[in-house]
Each structure stands twice: as C-alpha cells, then as structure tokens.
Amino acid sequence: MQLISLKAESDVHEFLISKNFWAAVHRNVPERLAALARLAAERPDVFAFESSQKIAERCKVSQTSVVRFAQHLGFDGFAEMKQGFQHGLRQSSRRAS
C-alpha cells in the first residue's frame, strides 16, 4: 500500500515534518517504517546524503525496509527518494537566503 505520493511535492522536507504526514504515518505504516519517518523528519540531511545501508543501520532496520519506506512515499526506490530530499534541502536553503 502506498501511503502518499511525494513526487508532486515541491519540498519533501516540509511535507515530512507536517502534522498531516505524522498522522498518516501512525495510521498506516508498521513501526519499522515509522522509525525511518521520524529520522527523515528530524534529519533530512541523512536521507539526502547517506546510503541506504547507513540509514538502515541508524534505524536498526534492513535496507529493504528503507526501500519500502521510499515506495510507501510514492517513490520508485531509494535513489529517487534521495534526490527528492536533496531537492527539498536546496529549496529550503534558497528560501532561507
């Protein structure tokens, strides 16, 4: 089951820290994926620049869980999600300037 689609979101980071996202996470994903969502909201830079293996280690989940998390968000896989986070961080940086 796909939780939501973030491909259309212009700023992944802002969406991940929104109340709507957290409500959806707690209703629709297993705890292992919720742990990934918490890390993504707290440290979007980790998702933008670290490998799926490093993220999995941080959350004490498998790399497969990281890929599933990306798919739950509507991405094709980890690489596409990573690009989304990079884009979101660039947008946030531009707005802050």
C-alpha atoms as a PDB file:
ATOM      1  CA  MET A   1       0.000   0.000   0.000  1.00  0.00           C
ATOM      2  CA  GLN A   2       1.350   3.402  -0.974  1.00  0.00           C
ATOM      3  CA  LEU A   3       0.966   5.860   1.873  1.00  0.00           C
ATOM      4  CA  ILE A   4       1.116   9.083  -0.120  1.00  0.00           C
ATOM      5  CA  SER A   5       2.800  10.422  -3.211  1.00  0.00           C
ATOM      6  CA  LEU A   6       5.520  12.970  -2.656  1.00  0.00           C
ATOM      7  CA  LYS A   7       6.658  13.227  -6.266  1.00  0.00           C
ATOM      8  CA  ALA A   8       4.427  16.259  -6.713  1.00  0.00           C
ATOM      9  CA  GLU A   9       5.575  17.911  -3.500  1.00  0.00           C
ATOM     10  CA  SER A  10       7.976  20.782  -4.106  1.00  0.00           C
ATOM     11  CA  ASP A  11       9.595  20.412  -0.701  1.00  0.00           C
ATOM     12  CA  VAL A  12       9.838  16.897   0.683  1.00  0.00           C
ATOM     13  CA  HIS A  13      11.327  18.045   3.975  1.00  0.00           C
ATOM     14  CA  GLU A  14       8.477  20.414   4.816  1.00  0.00           C
ATOM     15  CA  PHE A  15       5.941  17.726   3.996  1.00  0.00           C
ATOM     16  CA  LEU A  16       7.702  15.133   6.142  1.00  0.00           C
ATOM     17  CA  ILE A  17       7.532  17.359   9.197  1.00  0.00           C
ATOM     18  CA  SER A  18       3.897  18.326   8.666  1.00  0.00           C
ATOM     19  CA  LYS A  19       1.162  17.187  11.040  1.00  0.00           C
ATOM     20  CA  ASN A  20      -0.667  15.508   8.162  1.00  0.00           C
ATOM     21  CA  PHE A  21       2.334  13.318   7.422  1.00  0.00           C
ATOM     22  CA  TRP A  22       2.715  12.211  11.042  1.00  0.00           C
ATOM     23  CA  ALA A  23      -0.975  11.412  11.314  1.00  0.00           C
ATOM     24  CA  ALA A  24      -0.759   9.290   8.162  1.00  0.00           C
ATOM     25  CA  VAL A  25       2.390   7.531   9.364  1.00  0.00           C
ATOM     26  CA  HIS A  26       0.884   6.496  12.657  1.00  0.00           C
ATOM     27  CA  ARG A  27      -2.268   5.207  10.983  1.00  0.00           C
ATOM     28  CA  ASN A  28      -0.753   3.408   8.019  1.00  0.00           C
ATOM     29  CA  VAL A  29       2.786   2.132   8.414  1.00  0.00           C
ATOM     30  CA  PRO A  30       4.498  -0.503  10.533  1.00  0.00           C
ATOM     31  CA  GLU A  31       6.698   0.696  13.398  1.00  0.00           C
ATOM     32  CA  ARG A  32       9.877  -0.039  11.409  1.00  0.00           C
ATOM     33  CA  LEU A  33       8.794   2.420   8.732  1.00  0.00           C
ATOM     34  CA  ALA A  34       7.676   4.926  11.363  1.00  0.00           C
ATOM     35  CA  ALA A  35      11.231   4.893  12.780  1.00  0.00           C
ATOM     36  CA  LEU A  36      12.506   5.849   9.327  1.00  0.00           C
ATOM     37  CA  ALA A  37       9.918   8.625   9.083  1.00  0.00           C
ATOM     38  CA  ARG A  38      10.989  10.062  12.434  1.00  0.00           C
ATOM     39  CA  LEU A  39      14.621  10.141  11.303  1.00  0.00           C
ATOM     40  CA  ALA A  40      13.621  11.728   7.992  1.00  0.00           C
ATOM     41  CA  ALA A  41      11.711  14.484   9.783  1.00  0.00           C
ATOM     42  CA  GLU A  42      14.492  15.124  12.304  1.00  0.00           C
ATOM     43  CA  ARG A  43      17.473  14.739   9.957  1.00  0.00           C
ATOM     44  CA  PRO A  44      16.511  15.185   6.284  1.00  0.00           C
ATOM     45  CA  ASP A  45      20.210  15.607   5.500  1.00  0.00           C
ATOM     46  CA  VAL A  46      20.738  11.945   6.397  1.00  0.00           C
ATOM     47  CA  PHE A  47      18.242  10.894   3.722  1.00  0.00           C
ATOM     48  CA  ALA A  48      19.710  13.363   1.225  1.00  0.00           C
ATOM     49  CA  PHE A  49      23.335  12.295   1.546  1.00  0.00           C
ATOM     50  CA  GLU A  50      23.785   8.931   3.279  1.00  0.00           C
ATOM     51  CA  SER A  51      23.486   5.469   1.765  1.00  0.00           C
ATOM     52  CA  SER A  52      20.501   3.228   2.344  1.00  0.00           C
ATOM     53  CA  GLN A  53      22.793   0.932   4.332  1.00  0.00           C
ATOM     54  CA  LYS A  54      23.831   3.731   6.721  1.00  0.00           C
ATOM     55  CA  ILE A  55      20.215   4.813   7.172  1.00  0.00           C
ATOM     56  CA  ALA A  56      19.174   1.228   7.859  1.00  0.00           C
ATOM     57  CA  GLU A  57      21.911   0.930  10.496  1.00  0.00           C
ATOM     58  CA  ARG A  58      20.829   4.177  12.183  1.00  0.00           C
ATOM     59  CA  CYS A  59      17.216   2.957  12.445  1.00  0.00           C
ATOM     60  CA  LYS A  60      18.117  -0.665  13.173  1.00  0.00           C
ATOM     61  CA  VAL A  61      16.138  -1.880  10.149  1.00  0.00           C
ATOM     62  CA  SER A  62      17.049  -3.699   6.949  1.00  0.00           C
ATOM     63  CA  GLN A  63      17.978  -1.966   3.708  1.00  0.00           C
ATOM     64  CA  THR A  64      14.812  -3.493   2.296  1.00  0.00           C
ATOM     65  CA  SER A  65      12.817  -1.507   4.865  1.00  0.00           C
ATOM     66  CA  VAL A  66      14.464   1.689   3.644  1.00  0.00           C
ATOM     67  CA  VAL A  67      13.406   0.883   0.071  1.00  0.00           C
ATOM     68  CA  ARG A  68       9.888   0.035   1.263  1.00  0.00           C
ATOM     69  CA  PHE A  69       9.730   3.374   3.061  1.00  0.00           C
ATOM     70  CA  ALA A  70      10.597   5.141  -0.196  1.00  0.00           C
ATOM     71  CA  GLN A  71       7.920   3.166  -2.009  1.00  0.00           C
ATOM     72  CA  HIS A  72       5.332   3.979   0.675  1.00  0.00           C
ATOM     73  CA  LEU A  73       6.073   7.636  -0.022  1.00  0.00           C
ATOM     74  CA  GLY A  74       5.409   7.129  -3.729  1.00  0.00           C
ATOM     75  CA  PHE A  75       8.978   6.979  -5.000  1.00  0.00           C
ATOM     76  CA  ASP A  76      10.201   4.196  -7.271  1.00  0.00           C
ATOM     77  CA  GLY A  77      13.035   3.420  -4.870  1.00  0.00           C
ATOM     78  CA  PHE A  78      15.713   4.792  -2.577  1.00  0.00           C
ATOM     79  CA  ALA A  79      17.662   6.706  -5.248  1.00  0.00           C
ATOM     80  CA  GLU A  80      14.611   8.672  -6.312  1.00  0.00           C
ATOM     81  CA  MET A  81      13.708   9.444  -2.684  1.00  0.00           C
ATOM     82  CA  LYS A  82      17.269  10.603  -2.031  1.00  0.00           C
ATOM     83  CA  GLN A  83      17.011  13.019  -4.965  1.00  0.00           C
ATOM     84  CA  GLY A  84      13.728  14.296  -3.539  1.00  0.00           C
ATOM     85  CA  PHE A  85      15.355  15.055  -0.202  1.00  0.00           C
ATOM     86  CA  GLN A  86      18.272  16.770  -1.939  1.00  0.00           C
ATOM     87  CA  HIS A  87      15.811  18.919  -3.882  1.00  0.00           C
ATOM     88  CA  GLY A  88      13.878  19.711  -0.708  1.00  0.00           C
ATOM     89  CA  LEU A  89      17.021  20.799   1.124  1.00  0.00           C
ATOM     90  CA  ARG A  90      18.073  23.012  -1.806  1.00  0.00           C
ATOM     91  CA  GLN A  91      14.631  24.660  -1.823  1.00  0.00           C
ATOM     92  CA  SER A  92      14.753  25.229   1.948  1.00  0.00           C
ATOM     93  CA  SER A  93      18.233  26.702   1.645  1.00  0.00           C
ATOM     94  CA  ARG A  94      17.131  29.109  -1.097  1.00  0.00           C
ATOM     95  CA  ARG A  95      14.148  30.286   0.959  1.00  0.00           C
ATOM     96  CA  ALA A  96      16.377  30.854   3.984  1.00  0.00           C
ATOM     97  CA  SER A  97      18.788  33.045   1.980  1.00  0.00           C
END
